[in-house]
Amino acid sequence: MSKIMNSIDATTSMQKFITISLLIFTLGNPYAWAASLEELRASGTIGESATGYVIARDSSAQAQADSINTQRRVIYQQKAAAQGISADQVGKVYAQEIFNTVPAGTWIQINGQWTKK
Protein backbone atom coordinates (compact mmCIF):
# COMPACT_ATOMS: atom_id res chain seq x y z
CA MET A 1 0.00 0.00 0.00
CA SER A 2 2.79 2.46 0.85
CA LYS A 3 4.45 1.82 -2.52
CA ILE A 4 1.20 2.81 -4.26
CA MET A 5 0.87 5.94 -2.12
CA ASN A 6 4.49 6.91 -2.82
CA SER A 7 3.88 6.42 -6.53
CA ILE A 8 0.75 8.60 -6.39
CA ASP A 9 2.65 11.29 -4.44
CA ALA A 10 5.48 11.24 -7.00
CA THR A 11 3.02 11.48 -9.89
CA THR A 12 1.17 14.35 -8.22
CA SER A 13 4.44 16.17 -7.54
CA MET A 14 5.54 15.73 -11.14
CA GLN A 15 2.19 17.02 -12.40
CA LYS A 16 2.50 20.07 -10.15
CA PHE A 17 6.04 20.68 -11.39
CA ILE A 18 4.97 20.45 -15.02
CA THR A 19 1.96 22.72 -14.42
CA ILE A 20 4.08 25.36 -12.68
CA SER A 21 6.75 25.15 -15.38
CA LEU A 22 4.17 25.62 -18.12
CA LEU A 23 2.62 28.53 -16.25
CA ILE A 24 5.99 30.24 -15.90
CA PHE A 25 6.77 29.60 -19.55
CA THR A 26 3.36 30.88 -20.65
CA LEU A 27 3.39 34.05 -18.57
CA GLY A 28 7.03 34.71 -19.22
CA ASN A 29 9.29 37.01 -17.36
CA PRO A 30 7.33 40.02 -16.07
CA TYR A 31 10.26 42.30 -16.89
CA ALA A 32 10.32 41.09 -20.48
CA TRP A 33 6.54 41.48 -20.60
CA ALA A 34 6.84 45.07 -19.40
CA ALA A 35 9.53 45.83 -21.98
CA SER A 36 7.43 44.44 -24.80
CA LEU A 37 4.37 46.29 -23.49
CA GLU A 38 6.32 49.53 -23.68
CA GLU A 39 7.55 48.64 -27.17
CA LEU A 40 4.02 47.85 -28.31
CA ARG A 41 2.73 51.13 -26.90
CA ALA A 42 5.59 53.10 -28.47
CA SER A 43 5.00 51.52 -31.87
CA GLY A 44 1.29 52.32 -31.66
CA THR A 45 0.27 48.71 -32.29
CA ILE A 46 -1.60 48.65 -29.00
CA GLY A 47 -3.32 51.32 -26.97
CA GLU A 48 -4.83 51.65 -23.54
CA SER A 49 -8.58 51.73 -22.99
CA ALA A 50 -10.72 53.29 -20.26
CA THR A 51 -11.62 49.76 -19.14
CA GLY A 52 -8.07 49.06 -17.96
CA TYR A 53 -7.32 46.67 -20.80
CA VAL A 54 -5.20 47.14 -23.88
CA ILE A 55 -6.63 47.08 -27.38
CA ALA A 56 -4.73 45.88 -30.43
CA ARG A 57 -4.69 48.78 -32.87
CA ASP A 58 -3.06 46.49 -35.41
CA SER A 59 -4.14 42.88 -35.90
CA SER A 60 -0.51 41.75 -35.68
CA ALA A 61 -0.57 42.62 -31.95
CA GLN A 62 -3.78 40.78 -31.04
CA ALA A 63 -2.01 37.82 -29.40
CA GLN A 64 0.12 40.14 -27.28
CA ALA A 65 -2.95 42.20 -26.31
CA ASP A 66 -4.81 39.04 -25.32
CA SER A 67 -1.87 37.91 -23.18
CA ILE A 68 -1.55 41.28 -21.45
CA ASN A 69 -5.29 41.41 -20.82
CA THR A 70 -5.31 37.90 -19.37
CA GLN A 71 -2.67 38.94 -16.86
CA ARG A 72 -4.51 42.15 -16.02
CA ARG A 73 -7.80 40.29 -15.63
CA VAL A 74 -6.24 38.07 -12.96
CA ILE A 75 -5.00 41.12 -11.05
CA TYR A 76 -8.32 42.93 -11.36
CA GLN A 77 -10.26 39.87 -10.18
CA GLN A 78 -7.97 39.46 -7.16
CA LYS A 79 -8.32 43.13 -6.20
CA ALA A 80 -12.08 43.01 -6.77
CA ALA A 81 -12.51 39.97 -4.55
CA ALA A 82 -10.45 41.60 -1.79
CA GLN A 83 -12.43 44.84 -1.97
CA GLY A 84 -15.89 43.42 -2.60
CA ILE A 85 -16.39 45.23 -5.91
CA SER A 86 -16.52 44.16 -9.55
CA ALA A 87 -13.44 43.51 -11.65
CA ASP A 88 -14.78 46.07 -14.14
CA GLN A 89 -14.70 48.75 -11.45
CA VAL A 90 -11.12 47.83 -10.56
CA GLY A 91 -10.16 47.96 -14.25
CA LYS A 92 -11.55 51.48 -14.59
CA VAL A 93 -9.58 52.67 -11.56
CA TYR A 94 -6.42 51.10 -12.96
CA ALA A 95 -7.14 52.70 -16.35
CA GLN A 96 -6.98 56.16 -14.81
CA GLU A 97 -3.64 55.34 -13.21
CA ILE A 98 -2.37 53.88 -16.49
CA PHE A 99 -3.49 57.00 -18.40
CA ASN A 100 -1.64 59.16 -15.88
CA THR A 101 1.61 57.20 -16.06
CA VAL A 102 2.01 56.14 -19.70
CA PRO A 103 4.48 58.23 -21.67
CA ALA A 104 3.44 60.96 -24.08
CA GLY A 105 2.61 59.57 -27.49
CA THR A 106 0.79 56.51 -26.12
CA TRP A 107 -2.55 55.86 -27.79
CA ILE A 108 -5.48 55.89 -25.39
CA GLN A 109 -9.12 55.22 -26.13
CA ILE A 110 -11.85 57.17 -24.37
CA ASN A 111 -15.51 56.76 -25.33
CA GLY A 112 -14.46 54.73 -28.37
CA GLN A 113 -12.21 57.48 -29.73
CA TRP A 114 -8.44 57.11 -30.07
CA THR A 115 -6.16 59.96 -29.10
CA LYS A 116 -2.47 60.29 -28.33
CA LYS A 117 -1.56 61.30 -24.84
C-alpha atoms as a PDB file:
ATOM      1  CA  MET A   1       0.000   0.000   0.000  1.00  0.00           C
ATOM      2  CA  SER A   2       2.791   2.458   0.846  1.00  0.00           C
ATOM      3  CA  LYS A   3       4.448   1.818  -2.525  1.00  0.00           C
ATOM      4  CA  ILE A   4       1.199   2.809  -4.256  1.00  0.00           C
ATOM      5  CA  MET A   5       0.871   5.936  -2.117  1.00  0.00           C
ATOM      6  CA  ASN A   6       4.495   6.911  -2.822  1.00  0.00           C
ATOM      7  CA  SER A   7       3.878   6.421  -6.529  1.00  0.00           C
ATOM      8  CA  ILE A   8       0.753   8.601  -6.386  1.00  0.00           C
ATOM      9  CA  ASP A   9       2.654  11.294  -4.443  1.00  0.00           C
ATOM     10  CA  ALA A  10       5.483  11.241  -6.998  1.00  0.00           C
ATOM     11  CA  THR A  11       3.024  11.484  -9.886  1.00  0.00           C
ATOM     12  CA  THR A  12       1.168  14.352  -8.223  1.00  0.00           C
ATOM     13  CA  SER A  13       4.441  16.173  -7.535  1.00  0.00           C
ATOM     14  CA  MET A  14       5.543  15.734 -11.143  1.00  0.00           C
ATOM     15  CA  GLN A  15       2.193  17.023 -12.398  1.00  0.00           C
ATOM     16  CA  LYS A  16       2.498  20.071 -10.146  1.00  0.00           C
ATOM     17  CA  PHE A  17       6.044  20.682 -11.386  1.00  0.00           C
ATOM     18  CA  ILE A  18       4.965  20.451 -15.016  1.00  0.00           C
ATOM     19  CA  THR A  19       1.962  22.719 -14.424  1.00  0.00           C
ATOM     20  CA  ILE A  20       4.077  25.357 -12.676  1.00  0.00           C
ATOM     21  CA  SER A  21       6.753  25.145 -15.380  1.00  0.00           C
ATOM     22  CA  LEU A  22       4.174  25.616 -18.119  1.00  0.00           C
ATOM     23  CA  LEU A  23       2.621  28.528 -16.252  1.00  0.00           C
ATOM     24  CA  ILE A  24       5.988  30.236 -15.902  1.00  0.00           C
ATOM     25  CA  PHE A  25       6.773  29.600 -19.553  1.00  0.00           C
ATOM     26  CA  THR A  26       3.363  30.883 -20.650  1.00  0.00           C
ATOM     27  CA  LEU A  27       3.386  34.048 -18.573  1.00  0.00           C
ATOM     28  CA  GLY A  28       7.032  34.707 -19.219  1.00  0.00           C
ATOM     29  CA  ASN A  29       9.291  37.013 -17.363  1.00  0.00           C
ATOM     30  CA  PRO A  30       7.328  40.015 -16.067  1.00  0.00           C
ATOM     31  CA  TYR A  31      10.261  42.301 -16.889  1.00  0.00           C
ATOM     32  CA  ALA A  32      10.318  41.088 -20.484  1.00  0.00           C
ATOM     33  CA  TRP A  33       6.537  41.483 -20.603  1.00  0.00           C
ATOM     34  CA  ALA A  34       6.841  45.073 -19.399  1.00  0.00           C
ATOM     35  CA  ALA A  35       9.529  45.831 -21.978  1.00  0.00           C
ATOM     36  CA  SER A  36       7.426  44.436 -24.801  1.00  0.00           C
ATOM     37  CA  LEU A  37       4.373  46.289 -23.488  1.00  0.00           C
ATOM     38  CA  GLU A  38       6.320  49.532 -23.676  1.00  0.00           C
ATOM     39  CA  GLU A  39       7.547  48.644 -27.169  1.00  0.00           C
ATOM     40  CA  LEU A  40       4.022  47.853 -28.313  1.00  0.00           C
ATOM     41  CA  ARG A  41       2.729  51.129 -26.902  1.00  0.00           C
ATOM     42  CA  ALA A  42       5.594  53.098 -28.468  1.00  0.00           C
ATOM     43  CA  SER A  43       5.000  51.522 -31.872  1.00  0.00           C
ATOM     44  CA  GLY A  44       1.290  52.321 -31.656  1.00  0.00           C
ATOM     45  CA  THR A  45       0.269  48.712 -32.295  1.00  0.00           C
ATOM     46  CA  ILE A  46      -1.596  48.647 -28.996  1.00  0.00           C
ATOM     47  CA  GLY A  47      -3.318  51.318 -26.975  1.00  0.00           C
ATOM     48  CA  GLU A  48      -4.829  51.648 -23.543  1.00  0.00           C
ATOM     49  CA  SER A  49      -8.575  51.734 -22.986  1.00  0.00           C
ATOM     50  CA  ALA A  50     -10.723  53.290 -20.261  1.00  0.00           C
ATOM     51  CA  THR A  51     -11.616  49.763 -19.141  1.00  0.00           C
ATOM     52  CA  GLY A  52      -8.075  49.057 -17.961  1.00  0.00           C
ATOM     53  CA  TYR A  53      -7.322  46.669 -20.797  1.00  0.00           C
ATOM     54  CA  VAL A  54      -5.195  47.137 -23.881  1.00  0.00           C
ATOM     55  CA  ILE A  55      -6.628  47.076 -27.384  1.00  0.00           C
ATOM     56  CA  ALA A  56      -4.728  45.882 -30.432  1.00  0.00           C
ATOM     57  CA  ARG A  57      -4.691  48.784 -32.868  1.00  0.00           C
ATOM     58  CA  ASP A  58      -3.060  46.490 -35.406  1.00  0.00           C
ATOM     59  CA  SER A  59      -4.139  42.881 -35.902  1.00  0.00           C
ATOM     60  CA  SER A  60      -0.508  41.749 -35.677  1.00  0.00           C
ATOM     61  CA  ALA A  61      -0.565  42.619 -31.953  1.00  0.00           C
ATOM     62  CA  GLN A  62      -3.781  40.777 -31.045  1.00  0.00           C
ATOM     63  CA  ALA A  63      -2.014  37.817 -29.402  1.00  0.00           C
ATOM     64  CA  GLN A  64       0.116  40.141 -27.275  1.00  0.00           C
ATOM     65  CA  ALA A  65      -2.945  42.202 -26.310  1.00  0.00           C
ATOM     66  CA  ASP A  66      -4.812  39.043 -25.325  1.00  0.00           C
ATOM     67  CA  SER A  67      -1.867  37.910 -23.180  1.00  0.00           C
ATOM     68  CA  ILE A  68      -1.553  41.283 -21.445  1.00  0.00           C
ATOM     69  CA  ASN A  69      -5.291  41.406 -20.825  1.00  0.00           C
ATOM     70  CA  THR A  70      -5.310  37.897 -19.374  1.00  0.00           C
ATOM     71  CA  GLN A  71      -2.669  38.943 -16.861  1.00  0.00           C
ATOM     72  CA  ARG A  72      -4.506  42.152 -16.020  1.00  0.00           C
ATOM     73  CA  ARG A  73      -7.804  40.294 -15.629  1.00  0.00           C
ATOM     74  CA  VAL A  74      -6.236  38.069 -12.960  1.00  0.00           C
ATOM     75  CA  ILE A  75      -4.997  41.119 -11.053  1.00  0.00           C
ATOM     76  CA  TYR A  76      -8.323  42.930 -11.358  1.00  0.00           C
ATOM     77  CA  GLN A  77     -10.255  39.872 -10.180  1.00  0.00           C
ATOM     78  CA  GLN A  78      -7.973  39.461  -7.161  1.00  0.00           C
ATOM     79  CA  LYS A  79      -8.317  43.127  -6.202  1.00  0.00           C
ATOM     80  CA  ALA A  80     -12.080  43.011  -6.767  1.00  0.00           C
ATOM     81  CA  ALA A  81     -12.505  39.972  -4.550  1.00  0.00           C
ATOM     82  CA  ALA A  82     -10.455  41.598  -1.786  1.00  0.00           C
ATOM     83  CA  GLN A  83     -12.434  44.843  -1.969  1.00  0.00           C
ATOM     84  CA  GLY A  84     -15.892  43.418  -2.601  1.00  0.00           C
ATOM     85  CA  ILE A  85     -16.394  45.233  -5.906  1.00  0.00           C
ATOM     86  CA  SER A  86     -16.519  44.163  -9.545  1.00  0.00           C
ATOM     87  CA  ALA A  87     -13.436  43.511 -11.651  1.00  0.00           C
ATOM     88  CA  ASP A  88     -14.783  46.075 -14.139  1.00  0.00           C
ATOM     89  CA  GLN A  89     -14.696  48.753 -11.445  1.00  0.00           C
ATOM     90  CA  VAL A  90     -11.123  47.834 -10.559  1.00  0.00           C
ATOM     91  CA  GLY A  91     -10.163  47.965 -14.246  1.00  0.00           C
ATOM     92  CA  LYS A  92     -11.554  51.483 -14.594  1.00  0.00           C
ATOM     93  CA  VAL A  93      -9.583  52.672 -11.560  1.00  0.00           C
ATOM     94  CA  TYR A  94      -6.423  51.100 -12.960  1.00  0.00           C
ATOM     95  CA  ALA A  95      -7.144  52.701 -16.354  1.00  0.00           C
ATOM     96  CA  GLN A  96      -6.985  56.160 -14.806  1.00  0.00           C
ATOM     97  CA  GLU A  97      -3.639  55.343 -13.211  1.00  0.00           C
ATOM     98  CA  ILE A  98      -2.369  53.883 -16.493  1.00  0.00           C
ATOM     99  CA  PHE A  99      -3.489  56.996 -18.402  1.00  0.00           C
ATOM    100  CA  ASN A 100      -1.640  59.164 -15.879  1.00  0.00           C
ATOM    101  CA  THR A 101       1.610  57.198 -16.062  1.00  0.00           C
ATOM    102  CA  VAL A 102       2.014  56.136 -19.699  1.00  0.00           C
ATOM    103  CA  PRO A 103       4.480  58.228 -21.674  1.00  0.00           C
ATOM    104  CA  ALA A 104       3.438  60.960 -24.080  1.00  0.00           C
ATOM    105  CA  GLY A 105       2.614  59.566 -27.492  1.00  0.00           C
ATOM    106  CA  THR A 106       0.788  56.513 -26.121  1.00  0.00           C
ATOM    107  CA  TRP A 107      -2.551  55.856 -27.794  1.00  0.00           C
ATOM    108  CA  ILE A 108      -5.484  55.895 -25.394  1.00  0.00           C
ATOM    109  CA  GLN A 109      -9.123  55.220 -26.130  1.00  0.00           C
ATOM    110  CA  ILE A 110     -11.854  57.173 -24.373  1.00  0.00           C
ATOM    111  CA  ASN A 111     -15.510  56.759 -25.331  1.00  0.00           C
ATOM    112  CA  GLY A 112     -14.460  54.730 -28.368  1.00  0.00           C
ATOM    113  CA  GLN A 113     -12.205  57.482 -29.733  1.00  0.00           C
ATOM    114  CA  TRP A 114      -8.437  57.109 -30.071  1.00  0.00           C
ATOM    115  CA  THR A 115      -6.161  59.957 -29.104  1.00  0.00           C
ATOM    116  CA  LYS A 116      -2.474  60.291 -28.333  1.00  0.00           C
ATOM    117  CA  LYS A 117      -1.560  61.298 -24.836  1.00  0.00           C
END
